[in-house]
Amino acid sequence: MHRPRRLLRPRAPRCGAFGEFTEANGLLTPSLKIRRQAVTTRYAAEIEALYGG
């Protein structure tokens, strides 16, 4: 049975319009889940421009 030599850590989500999502900047939890409230607060203007009129 073939086993991988090392397990890769999941990659953090990225979106070009919003920059990087990392634990260090508070946009991800340690398990790499998006902190929606932090993202909504930080990128409110960009979100409004995308979805607002």
C-alpha atoms as a PDB file:
ATOM      1  CA  MET A   1       0.000   0.000   0.000  1.00  0.00           C
ATOM      2  CA  HIS A   2       1.366   3.398  -0.994  1.00  0.00           C
ATOM      3  CA  ARG A   3       1.495   6.127   1.659  1.00  0.00           C
ATOM      4  CA  PRO A   4       2.327   9.779   1.079  1.00  0.00           C
ATOM      5  CA  ARG A   5       5.647  10.819   2.604  1.00  0.00           C
ATOM      6  CA  ARG A   6       4.159  13.898   4.186  1.00  0.00           C
ATOM      7  CA  LEU A   7       0.720  15.290   4.614  1.00  0.00           C
ATOM      8  CA  LEU A   8       0.112  18.707   3.167  1.00  0.00           C
ATOM      9  CA  ARG A   9      -1.583  21.349   5.257  1.00  0.00           C
ATOM     10  CA  PRO A  10      -4.787  22.669   3.692  1.00  0.00           C
ATOM     11  CA  ARG A  11      -4.295  25.960   1.896  1.00  0.00           C
ATOM     12  CA  ALA A  12      -5.999  29.112   3.096  1.00  0.00           C
ATOM     13  CA  PRO A  13      -8.701  30.571   0.862  1.00  0.00           C
ATOM     14  CA  ARG A  14      -7.612  33.535  -1.215  1.00  0.00           C
ATOM     15  CA  CYS A  15      -9.502  36.030  -3.266  1.00  0.00           C
ATOM     16  CA  GLY A  16      -7.655  38.541  -5.431  1.00  0.00           C
ATOM     17  CA  ALA A  17     -10.083  41.353  -4.656  1.00  0.00           C
ATOM     18  CA  PHE A  18      -9.788  40.900  -0.907  1.00  0.00           C
ATOM     19  CA  GLY A  19      -6.169  39.895  -0.312  1.00  0.00           C
ATOM     20  CA  GLU A  20      -4.978  36.960   1.763  1.00  0.00           C
ATOM     21  CA  PHE A  21      -6.974  35.274   4.470  1.00  0.00           C
ATOM     22  CA  THR A  22      -4.652  34.130   7.274  1.00  0.00           C
ATOM     23  CA  GLU A  23      -4.797  33.322  10.964  1.00  0.00           C
ATOM     24  CA  ALA A  24      -2.372  36.159  11.613  1.00  0.00           C
ATOM     25  CA  ASN A  25      -4.668  38.833  10.194  1.00  0.00           C
ATOM     26  CA  GLY A  26      -7.692  37.407  12.031  1.00  0.00           C
ATOM     27  CA  LEU A  27      -9.686  36.300   9.002  1.00  0.00           C
ATOM     28  CA  LEU A  28      -9.253  32.552   9.605  1.00  0.00           C
ATOM     29  CA  THR A  29      -9.655  30.293  12.613  1.00  0.00           C
ATOM     30  CA  PRO A  30      -6.880  27.815  13.510  1.00  0.00           C
ATOM     31  CA  SER A  31      -8.814  25.150  11.594  1.00  0.00           C
ATOM     32  CA  LEU A  32      -8.817  27.449   8.505  1.00  0.00           C
ATOM     33  CA  LYS A  33     -12.481  28.340   8.631  1.00  0.00           C
ATOM     34  CA  ILE A  34     -13.399  31.844   7.505  1.00  0.00           C
ATOM     35  CA  ARG A  35     -14.370  34.274  10.273  1.00  0.00           C
ATOM     36  CA  ARG A  36     -17.337  35.765   8.462  1.00  0.00           C
ATOM     37  CA  GLN A  37     -17.929  38.643  10.864  1.00  0.00           C
ATOM     38  CA  ALA A  38     -14.282  39.769  10.593  1.00  0.00           C
ATOM     39  CA  VAL A  39     -14.369  39.546   6.783  1.00  0.00           C
ATOM     40  CA  THR A  40     -17.673  41.420   6.585  1.00  0.00           C
ATOM     41  CA  THR A  41     -16.388  44.171   8.873  1.00  0.00           C
ATOM     42  CA  ARG A  42     -13.012  44.568   7.159  1.00  0.00           C
ATOM     43  CA  TYR A  43     -14.312  44.468   3.570  1.00  0.00           C
ATOM     44  CA  ALA A  44     -17.692  46.195   3.975  1.00  0.00           C
ATOM     45  CA  ALA A  45     -16.990  48.786   1.268  1.00  0.00           C
ATOM     46  CA  GLU A  46     -15.839  46.189  -1.264  1.00  0.00           C
ATOM     47  CA  ILE A  47     -18.834  43.952  -0.544  1.00  0.00           C
ATOM     48  CA  GLU A  48     -21.202  46.903  -0.914  1.00  0.00           C
ATOM     49  CA  ALA A  49     -19.588  47.813  -4.248  1.00  0.00           C
ATOM     50  CA  LEU A  50     -20.014  44.246  -5.513  1.00  0.00           C
ATOM     51  CA  TYR A  51     -23.594  43.671  -4.362  1.00  0.00           C
ATOM     52  CA  GLY A  52     -24.957  47.152  -3.698  1.00  0.00           C
ATOM     53  CA  GLY A  53     -26.455  49.409  -6.291  1.00  0.00           C
END
